[in-house]
Amino acid sequence: QKLSKDRITLALCANADGSDKLKLLVINRSKSPRAFTTHGRSWDVNSHVHWEWNRKAWMNGAVFEKYVTRLNNHFRAQQRQVLVLMDNASSHILVLMDNASSHILVLMDNA
């Protein structure tokens, strides 16, 4: 019997004390899963989470760039400067933005 290839990737974003939590980023293999349709009507998943999809349900450079741009726009609208800490995954490409409100610090390898 073949192993299931069902996958889901989640990205979470919150401040240190948890008082400011942003919408969850969900990456799935399906653009619009059957579970999100009821009686032939599609549920607006983006009103609850940021939904992305690709064949392997992985974070890639394009999804990451879109996510970081969305974060920057969110904080710029609030006129806030933030520092984003993240690991050094290959999908975490360097995103250059004009008028950036988000400063990204990529953590080094555990070498």
C-alpha atoms as a PDB file:
ATOM      1  CA  GLN A   1       0.000   0.000   0.000  1.00  0.00           C
ATOM      2  CA  LYS A   2       1.325   3.439  -0.972  1.00  0.00           C
ATOM      3  CA  LEU A   3       1.859   6.048   1.696  1.00  0.00           C
ATOM      4  CA  SER A   4      -0.378   9.082   1.593  1.00  0.00           C
ATOM      5  CA  LYS A   5       1.170  12.240   0.163  1.00  0.00           C
ATOM      6  CA  ASP A   6      -1.265  14.579   1.880  1.00  0.00           C
ATOM      7  CA  ARG A   7       0.583  17.631   3.152  1.00  0.00           C
ATOM      8  CA  ILE A   8      -0.133  21.010   4.619  1.00  0.00           C
ATOM      9  CA  THR A   9       2.286  23.813   5.494  1.00  0.00           C
ATOM     10  CA  LEU A  10       1.470  26.481   8.087  1.00  0.00           C
ATOM     11  CA  ALA A  11       3.155  29.814   8.768  1.00  0.00           C
ATOM     12  CA  LEU A  12       2.394  31.587  12.025  1.00  0.00           C
ATOM     13  CA  CYS A  13       3.122  35.201  12.898  1.00  0.00           C
ATOM     14  CA  ALA A  14       2.669  36.814  16.318  1.00  0.00           C
ATOM     15  CA  ASN A  15       4.474  39.221  18.570  1.00  0.00           C
ATOM     16  CA  ALA A  16       6.491  38.044  21.585  1.00  0.00           C
ATOM     17  CA  ASP A  17       3.659  38.263  24.139  1.00  0.00           C
ATOM     18  CA  GLY A  18       0.990  36.885  21.781  1.00  0.00           C
ATOM     19  CA  SER A  19      -1.235  39.958  21.921  1.00  0.00           C
ATOM     20  CA  ASP A  20      -0.994  40.609  18.154  1.00  0.00           C
ATOM     21  CA  LYS A  21      -1.605  37.521  16.025  1.00  0.00           C
ATOM     22  CA  LEU A  22      -1.861  37.713  12.252  1.00  0.00           C
ATOM     23  CA  LYS A  23      -3.888  35.444   9.996  1.00  0.00           C
ATOM     24  CA  LEU A  24      -2.487  31.970   9.561  1.00  0.00           C
ATOM     25  CA  LEU A  25      -0.844  31.182   6.217  1.00  0.00           C
ATOM     26  CA  VAL A  26      -1.973  27.763   4.952  1.00  0.00           C
ATOM     27  CA  ILE A  27      -0.296  26.111   1.976  1.00  0.00           C
ATOM     28  CA  ASN A  28      -2.075  23.088   0.521  1.00  0.00           C
ATOM     29  CA  ARG A  29      -1.985  21.028  -2.665  1.00  0.00           C
ATOM     30  CA  SER A  30      -5.493  22.057  -3.705  1.00  0.00           C
ATOM     31  CA  LYS A  31      -6.586  25.470  -4.963  1.00  0.00           C
ATOM     32  CA  SER A  32     -10.097  24.986  -3.572  1.00  0.00           C
ATOM     33  CA  PRO A  33     -10.552  21.795  -1.527  1.00  0.00           C
ATOM     34  CA  ARG A  34     -13.892  20.005  -1.628  1.00  0.00           C
ATOM     35  CA  ALA A  35     -14.128  20.435   2.132  1.00  0.00           C
ATOM     36  CA  PHE A  36     -14.645  24.166   1.564  1.00  0.00           C
ATOM     37  CA  THR A  37     -17.777  23.751  -0.520  1.00  0.00           C
ATOM     38  CA  THR A  38     -21.220  23.328   1.006  1.00  0.00           C
ATOM     39  CA  HIS A  39     -24.279  22.590  -1.114  1.00  0.00           C
ATOM     40  CA  GLY A  40     -22.465  23.698  -4.267  1.00  0.00           C
ATOM     41  CA  ARG A  41     -21.372  27.030  -2.768  1.00  0.00           C
ATOM     42  CA  SER A  42     -17.739  27.742  -2.094  1.00  0.00           C
ATOM     43  CA  TRP A  43     -16.643  28.971   1.343  1.00  0.00           C
ATOM     44  CA  ASP A  44     -14.434  32.091   1.282  1.00  0.00           C
ATOM     45  CA  VAL A  45     -11.389  30.608   2.972  1.00  0.00           C
ATOM     46  CA  ASN A  46      -9.340  33.829   2.581  1.00  0.00           C
ATOM     47  CA  SER A  47     -11.606  35.650   5.017  1.00  0.00           C
ATOM     48  CA  HIS A  48     -10.223  33.396   7.786  1.00  0.00           C
ATOM     49  CA  VAL A  49      -6.687  32.476   6.669  1.00  0.00           C
ATOM     50  CA  HIS A  50      -4.268  33.362   3.883  1.00  0.00           C
ATOM     51  CA  TRP A  51      -4.610  30.402   1.499  1.00  0.00           C
ATOM     52  CA  GLU A  52      -1.904  29.446  -0.984  1.00  0.00           C
ATOM     53  CA  TRP A  53      -1.467  26.293  -2.992  1.00  0.00           C
ATOM     54  CA  ASN A  54       1.110  24.487  -5.066  1.00  0.00           C
ATOM     55  CA  ARG A  55       1.732  20.908  -6.178  1.00  0.00           C
ATOM     56  CA  LYS A  56       3.789  19.887  -3.132  1.00  0.00           C
ATOM     57  CA  ALA A  57       2.149  22.174  -0.515  1.00  0.00           C
ATOM     58  CA  TRP A  58       5.558  23.612   0.341  1.00  0.00           C
ATOM     59  CA  MET A  59       6.705  27.119   1.065  1.00  0.00           C
ATOM     60  CA  ASN A  60       8.575  28.329  -2.010  1.00  0.00           C
ATOM     61  CA  GLY A  61      10.153  31.622  -3.007  1.00  0.00           C
ATOM     62  CA  ALA A  62       7.023  32.998  -4.710  1.00  0.00           C
ATOM     63  CA  VAL A  63       4.726  32.185  -1.773  1.00  0.00           C
ATOM     64  CA  PHE A  64       7.282  33.560   0.685  1.00  0.00           C
ATOM     65  CA  GLU A  65       7.665  36.828  -1.230  1.00  0.00           C
ATOM     66  CA  LYS A  66       3.888  37.279  -1.325  1.00  0.00           C
ATOM     67  CA  TYR A  67       3.658  36.548   2.421  1.00  0.00           C
ATOM     68  CA  VAL A  68       6.424  38.998   3.380  1.00  0.00           C
ATOM     69  CA  THR A  69       4.910  41.699   1.152  1.00  0.00           C
ATOM     70  CA  ARG A  70       1.536  41.153   2.852  1.00  0.00           C
ATOM     71  CA  LEU A  71       3.215  41.434   6.291  1.00  0.00           C
ATOM     72  CA  ASN A  72       4.974  44.636   5.290  1.00  0.00           C
ATOM     73  CA  ASN A  73       1.754  46.192   3.988  1.00  0.00           C
ATOM     74  CA  HIS A  74      -0.051  45.242   7.213  1.00  0.00           C
ATOM     75  CA  PHE A  75       2.549  46.905   9.425  1.00  0.00           C
ATOM     76  CA  ARG A  76       3.002  49.930   7.147  1.00  0.00           C
ATOM     77  CA  ALA A  77      -0.759  50.603   7.364  1.00  0.00           C
ATOM     78  CA  GLN A  78      -0.406  50.636  11.161  1.00  0.00           C
ATOM     79  CA  GLN A  79       2.752  52.806  10.929  1.00  0.00           C
ATOM     80  CA  ARG A  80       4.723  50.207  12.875  1.00  0.00           C
ATOM     81  CA  GLN A  81       8.326  49.096  12.515  1.00  0.00           C
ATOM     82  CA  VAL A  82       8.875  45.400  13.212  1.00  0.00           C
ATOM     83  CA  LEU A  83      11.678  42.849  13.264  1.00  0.00           C
ATOM     84  CA  VAL A  84      10.838  39.446  11.782  1.00  0.00           C
ATOM     85  CA  LEU A  85      12.965  36.481  12.929  1.00  0.00           C
ATOM     86  CA  MET A  86      13.058  33.379  10.733  1.00  0.00           C
ATOM     87  CA  ASP A  87      15.175  30.355  10.042  1.00  0.00           C
ATOM     88  CA  ASN A  88      17.418  29.988   7.009  1.00  0.00           C
ATOM     89  CA  ALA A  89      15.199  27.712   4.886  1.00  0.00           C
ATOM     90  CA  SER A  90      15.991  27.828   1.167  1.00  0.00           C
ATOM     91  CA  SER A  91      12.518  29.232   0.418  1.00  0.00           C
ATOM     92  CA  HIS A  92      13.200  32.284   2.583  1.00  0.00           C
ATOM     93  CA  ILE A  93      14.598  34.391  -0.208  1.00  0.00           C
ATOM     94  CA  LEU A  94      15.730  37.930   0.406  1.00  0.00           C
ATOM     95  CA  VAL A  95      12.853  40.255  -0.442  1.00  0.00           C
ATOM     96  CA  LEU A  96      13.740  43.860  -1.215  1.00  0.00           C
ATOM     97  CA  MET A  97      10.891  46.317  -0.688  1.00  0.00           C
ATOM     98  CA  ASP A  98      10.490  50.063  -0.945  1.00  0.00           C
ATOM     99  CA  ASN A  99       9.276  51.795   2.240  1.00  0.00           C
ATOM    100  CA  ALA A 100       9.761  48.621   4.266  1.00  0.00           C
ATOM    101  CA  SER A 101       8.206  48.502   7.737  1.00  0.00           C
ATOM    102  CA  SER A 102       9.497  44.976   8.319  1.00  0.00           C
ATOM    103  CA  HIS A 103      13.154  44.240   8.989  1.00  0.00           C
ATOM    104  CA  ILE A 104      14.021  40.578   8.479  1.00  0.00           C
ATOM    105  CA  LEU A 105      16.716  38.835  10.485  1.00  0.00           C
ATOM    106  CA  VAL A 106      17.588  35.367   9.199  1.00  0.00           C
ATOM    107  CA  LEU A 107      19.089  33.085  11.842  1.00  0.00           C
ATOM    108  CA  MET A 108      22.334  31.253  10.994  1.00  0.00           C
ATOM    109  CA  ASP A 109      22.925  27.497  10.749  1.00  0.00           C
ATOM    110  CA  ASN A 110      23.382  25.457  13.911  1.00  0.00           C
ATOM    111  CA  ALA A 111      26.727  24.331  12.443  1.00  0.00           C
END
